[in-house]
């Protein structure tokens, strides 16, 4: 019996000692059945509306203000 040595000269190591998992989908169809998904969706919607309301109210309040010290100022809007 002879020992056979198999040499792979074409093996390339790219500095990783692991393999990357395949990319996960954004959301699965099974996720639509959970209340947590809808709760997160409602929370994002309410937070966006609150952000827009405060931003628009600040801009309108700044345009209507006549007192130079009575508002947030032009730098307070951003």
N, C-alpha and C. Protein backbone atom coordinates (compact mmCIF):
# COMPACT_ATOMS: atom_id res chain seq x y z
N UNK A 1 0.83 -1.17 0.00
CA UNK A 1 0.00 0.00 0.00
C UNK A 1 0.88 1.24 0.00
N UNK A 2 0.54 2.10 -0.84
CA UNK A 2 1.28 3.35 -0.91
C UNK A 2 0.40 4.47 -0.43
N UNK A 3 1.02 5.44 0.15
CA UNK A 3 0.29 6.62 0.62
C UNK A 3 0.23 7.62 -0.53
N UNK A 4 -0.98 8.02 -0.83
CA UNK A 4 -1.15 9.01 -1.88
C UNK A 4 -1.33 10.39 -1.24
N UNK A 5 -0.57 11.30 -1.70
CA UNK A 5 -0.66 12.67 -1.19
C UNK A 5 -1.38 13.50 -2.25
N UNK A 6 -2.49 14.06 -1.84
CA UNK A 6 -3.27 14.89 -2.75
C UNK A 6 -2.97 16.34 -2.41
N UNK A 7 -2.42 17.01 -3.36
CA UNK A 7 -2.09 18.42 -3.15
C UNK A 7 -2.99 19.27 -4.02
N UNK A 8 -3.70 20.16 -3.38
CA UNK A 8 -4.54 21.13 -4.11
C UNK A 8 -3.77 22.43 -4.20
N UNK A 9 -3.24 22.69 -5.34
CA UNK A 9 -2.49 23.93 -5.54
C UNK A 9 -3.43 25.10 -5.81
N UNK A 10 -4.69 24.82 -6.03
CA UNK A 10 -5.64 25.87 -6.41
C UNK A 10 -6.52 26.33 -5.25
N UNK A 11 -6.19 25.96 -4.05
CA UNK A 11 -6.97 26.39 -2.89
C UNK A 11 -6.53 27.80 -2.52
N UNK A 12 -7.50 28.70 -2.51
CA UNK A 12 -7.20 30.10 -2.20
C UNK A 12 -7.88 30.46 -0.88
N UNK A 13 -7.13 31.04 0.00
CA UNK A 13 -7.68 31.54 1.25
C UNK A 13 -7.74 33.05 1.16
N UNK A 14 -8.90 33.58 1.46
CA UNK A 14 -9.11 35.02 1.34
C UNK A 14 -9.04 35.71 2.70
N UNK A 15 -8.40 35.12 3.65
CA UNK A 15 -8.28 35.74 4.95
C UNK A 15 -9.42 35.41 5.88
N UNK A 16 -10.37 34.62 5.45
CA UNK A 16 -11.50 34.25 6.29
C UNK A 16 -11.36 32.79 6.72
N UNK A 17 -11.68 32.53 7.95
CA UNK A 17 -11.69 31.15 8.40
C UNK A 17 -13.12 30.66 8.63
N UNK A 18 -14.06 31.34 7.98
CA UNK A 18 -15.46 30.97 8.07
C UNK A 18 -16.13 31.25 6.73
N UNK A 19 -17.35 30.79 6.59
CA UNK A 19 -18.12 31.08 5.39
C UNK A 19 -19.30 31.96 5.78
N UNK A 20 -19.61 32.92 4.94
CA UNK A 20 -20.72 33.82 5.21
C UNK A 20 -22.05 33.09 5.01
N UNK A 21 -23.02 33.34 5.90
CA UNK A 21 -24.34 32.74 5.68
C UNK A 21 -25.04 33.42 4.52
N UNK A 22 -26.00 32.76 3.92
CA UNK A 22 -26.73 33.40 2.82
C UNK A 22 -27.54 34.59 3.34
N UNK A 23 -27.80 35.58 2.51
CA UNK A 23 -28.56 36.75 2.98
C UNK A 23 -29.98 36.37 3.37
N UNK A 24 -30.45 36.99 4.43
CA UNK A 24 -31.81 36.72 4.92
C UNK A 24 -32.78 37.64 4.19
N UNK A 25 -34.01 37.19 3.96
CA UNK A 25 -35.00 38.06 3.32
C UNK A 25 -35.39 39.21 4.26
N UNK A 26 -35.94 40.28 3.69
CA UNK A 26 -36.31 41.45 4.47
C UNK A 26 -37.36 41.08 5.52
N UNK A 27 -38.39 40.41 5.13
CA UNK A 27 -39.34 39.84 6.08
C UNK A 27 -40.02 38.66 5.41
N UNK A 28 -40.38 37.69 6.22
CA UNK A 28 -41.01 36.49 5.69
C UNK A 28 -42.53 36.59 5.76
N UNK A 29 -43.18 35.76 5.03
CA UNK A 29 -44.64 35.77 5.04
C UNK A 29 -45.19 35.29 6.39
N UNK A 30 -44.42 34.48 7.09
CA UNK A 30 -44.87 34.00 8.40
C UNK A 30 -44.87 35.14 9.42
N UNK A 31 -44.07 36.16 9.17
CA UNK A 31 -43.98 37.28 10.10
C UNK A 31 -45.26 38.12 10.10
N UNK A 32 -46.03 38.04 9.03
CA UNK A 32 -47.28 38.81 8.96
C UNK A 32 -48.34 38.30 9.93
N UNK A 33 -48.13 37.14 10.49
CA UNK A 33 -49.10 36.56 11.43
C UNK A 33 -48.89 37.05 12.86
N UNK A 34 -47.76 37.70 13.13
CA UNK A 34 -47.44 38.08 14.50
C UNK A 34 -47.88 39.51 14.79
N UNK A 35 -48.36 39.72 16.03
CA UNK A 35 -48.80 41.02 16.48
C UNK A 35 -47.60 41.97 16.60
N UNK A 36 -46.42 41.45 16.91
CA UNK A 36 -45.23 42.28 17.07
C UNK A 36 -44.90 43.05 15.79
N UNK A 37 -45.14 42.43 14.65
CA UNK A 37 -44.89 43.10 13.37
C UNK A 37 -45.80 44.31 13.21
N UNK A 38 -47.07 44.14 13.51
CA UNK A 38 -48.02 45.25 13.37
C UNK A 38 -47.79 46.32 14.43
N UNK A 39 -47.37 45.92 15.63
CA UNK A 39 -47.08 46.88 16.68
C UNK A 39 -45.89 47.75 16.28
N UNK A 40 -44.87 47.16 15.70
CA UNK A 40 -43.72 47.93 15.23
C UNK A 40 -44.11 48.85 14.08
N UNK A 41 -44.97 48.38 13.20
CA UNK A 41 -45.44 49.20 12.08
C UNK A 41 -46.23 50.41 12.58
N UNK A 42 -47.10 50.21 13.56
CA UNK A 42 -47.88 51.31 14.13
C UNK A 42 -46.97 52.30 14.85
N UNK A 43 -45.97 51.79 15.58
CA UNK A 43 -45.05 52.68 16.29
C UNK A 43 -44.24 53.54 15.32
N UNK A 44 -43.79 52.97 14.21
CA UNK A 44 -43.05 53.75 13.22
C UNK A 44 -43.94 54.81 12.59
N UNK A 45 -45.18 54.47 12.32
CA UNK A 45 -46.12 55.42 11.71
C UNK A 45 -46.39 56.59 12.65
N UNK A 46 -46.65 56.30 13.93
CA UNK A 46 -46.94 57.35 14.90
C UNK A 46 -45.71 58.24 15.12
N UNK A 47 -44.53 57.63 15.19
CA UNK A 47 -43.31 58.42 15.38
C UNK A 47 -43.05 59.34 14.18
N UNK A 48 -43.32 58.86 12.98
CA UNK A 48 -43.14 59.69 11.79
C UNK A 48 -44.13 60.86 11.78
N UNK A 49 -45.38 60.58 12.13
CA UNK A 49 -46.37 61.67 12.19
C UNK A 49 -46.01 62.70 13.24
N UNK A 50 -45.53 62.25 14.40
CA UNK A 50 -45.14 63.18 15.45
C UNK A 50 -43.95 64.03 15.02
N UNK A 51 -42.98 63.42 14.37
CA UNK A 51 -41.83 64.16 13.86
C UNK A 51 -42.25 65.21 12.84
N UNK A 52 -43.11 64.84 11.90
CA UNK A 52 -43.57 65.79 10.90
C UNK A 52 -44.39 66.92 11.52
N UNK A 53 -45.24 66.57 12.49
CA UNK A 53 -46.07 67.57 13.15
C UNK A 53 -45.20 68.60 13.85
N UNK A 54 -44.21 68.15 14.61
CA UNK A 54 -43.34 69.08 15.33
C UNK A 54 -42.51 69.93 14.37
N UNK A 55 -42.04 69.34 13.29
CA UNK A 55 -41.23 70.09 12.32
C UNK A 55 -42.06 71.17 11.65
N UNK A 56 -43.23 70.82 11.18
CA UNK A 56 -44.09 71.79 10.48
C UNK A 56 -44.59 72.86 11.44
N UNK A 57 -44.92 72.49 12.68
CA UNK A 57 -45.37 73.47 13.66
C UNK A 57 -44.25 74.45 14.00
N UNK A 58 -43.02 73.97 14.06
CA UNK A 58 -41.89 74.86 14.36
C UNK A 58 -41.67 75.84 13.22
N UNK A 59 -41.74 75.36 11.99
CA UNK A 59 -41.53 76.25 10.84
C UNK A 59 -42.64 77.28 10.75
N UNK A 60 -43.88 76.86 10.96
CA UNK A 60 -44.99 77.81 10.92
C UNK A 60 -44.88 78.81 12.06
N UNK A 61 -44.51 78.33 13.24
CA UNK A 61 -44.35 79.23 14.39
C UNK A 61 -43.23 80.22 14.19
N UNK A 62 -42.18 79.81 13.50
CA UNK A 62 -41.07 80.73 13.24
C UNK A 62 -41.48 81.80 12.23
N UNK A 63 -42.26 81.43 11.25
CA UNK A 63 -42.68 82.41 10.24
C UNK A 63 -43.68 83.42 10.81
N UNK A 64 -44.46 83.03 11.80
CA UNK A 64 -45.45 83.93 12.36
C UNK A 64 -44.90 84.77 13.50
N UNK A 65 -43.73 84.44 14.00
CA UNK A 65 -43.21 85.18 15.15
C UNK A 65 -42.69 86.54 14.71
N UNK A 66 -43.05 87.58 15.50
CA UNK A 66 -42.57 88.94 15.22
C UNK A 66 -41.55 89.37 16.25
N UNK A 67 -41.58 88.79 17.42
CA UNK A 67 -40.64 89.13 18.48
C UNK A 67 -39.30 88.45 18.19
N UNK A 68 -38.19 89.19 18.17
CA UNK A 68 -36.90 88.57 17.83
C UNK A 68 -36.43 87.56 18.87
N UNK A 69 -36.91 87.64 20.10
CA UNK A 69 -36.46 86.69 21.13
C UNK A 69 -37.56 85.70 21.48
N UNK A 70 -38.63 85.67 20.74
CA UNK A 70 -39.77 84.85 21.12
C UNK A 70 -39.92 83.56 20.35
N UNK A 71 -38.86 83.00 19.86
CA UNK A 71 -38.99 81.74 19.13
C UNK A 71 -37.70 80.95 19.16
N UNK A 72 -37.67 79.92 18.37
CA UNK A 72 -36.48 79.08 18.36
C UNK A 72 -35.40 79.64 17.47
N UNK A 73 -35.75 80.55 16.59
CA UNK A 73 -34.77 81.14 15.69
C UNK A 73 -34.54 80.26 14.48
N UNK A 74 -33.82 80.79 13.53
CA UNK A 74 -33.59 80.07 12.29
C UNK A 74 -32.69 78.84 12.53
N UNK A 75 -31.79 78.92 13.51
CA UNK A 75 -30.93 77.77 13.81
C UNK A 75 -31.63 76.73 14.69
N UNK A 76 -32.72 77.10 15.30
CA UNK A 76 -33.45 76.16 16.13
C UNK A 76 -34.33 75.22 15.34
N UNK A 77 -34.63 75.56 14.11
CA UNK A 77 -35.50 74.72 13.28
C UNK A 77 -34.81 73.40 12.90
N UNK A 78 -33.57 73.43 12.43
CA UNK A 78 -32.95 72.14 12.10
C UNK A 78 -32.68 71.32 13.33
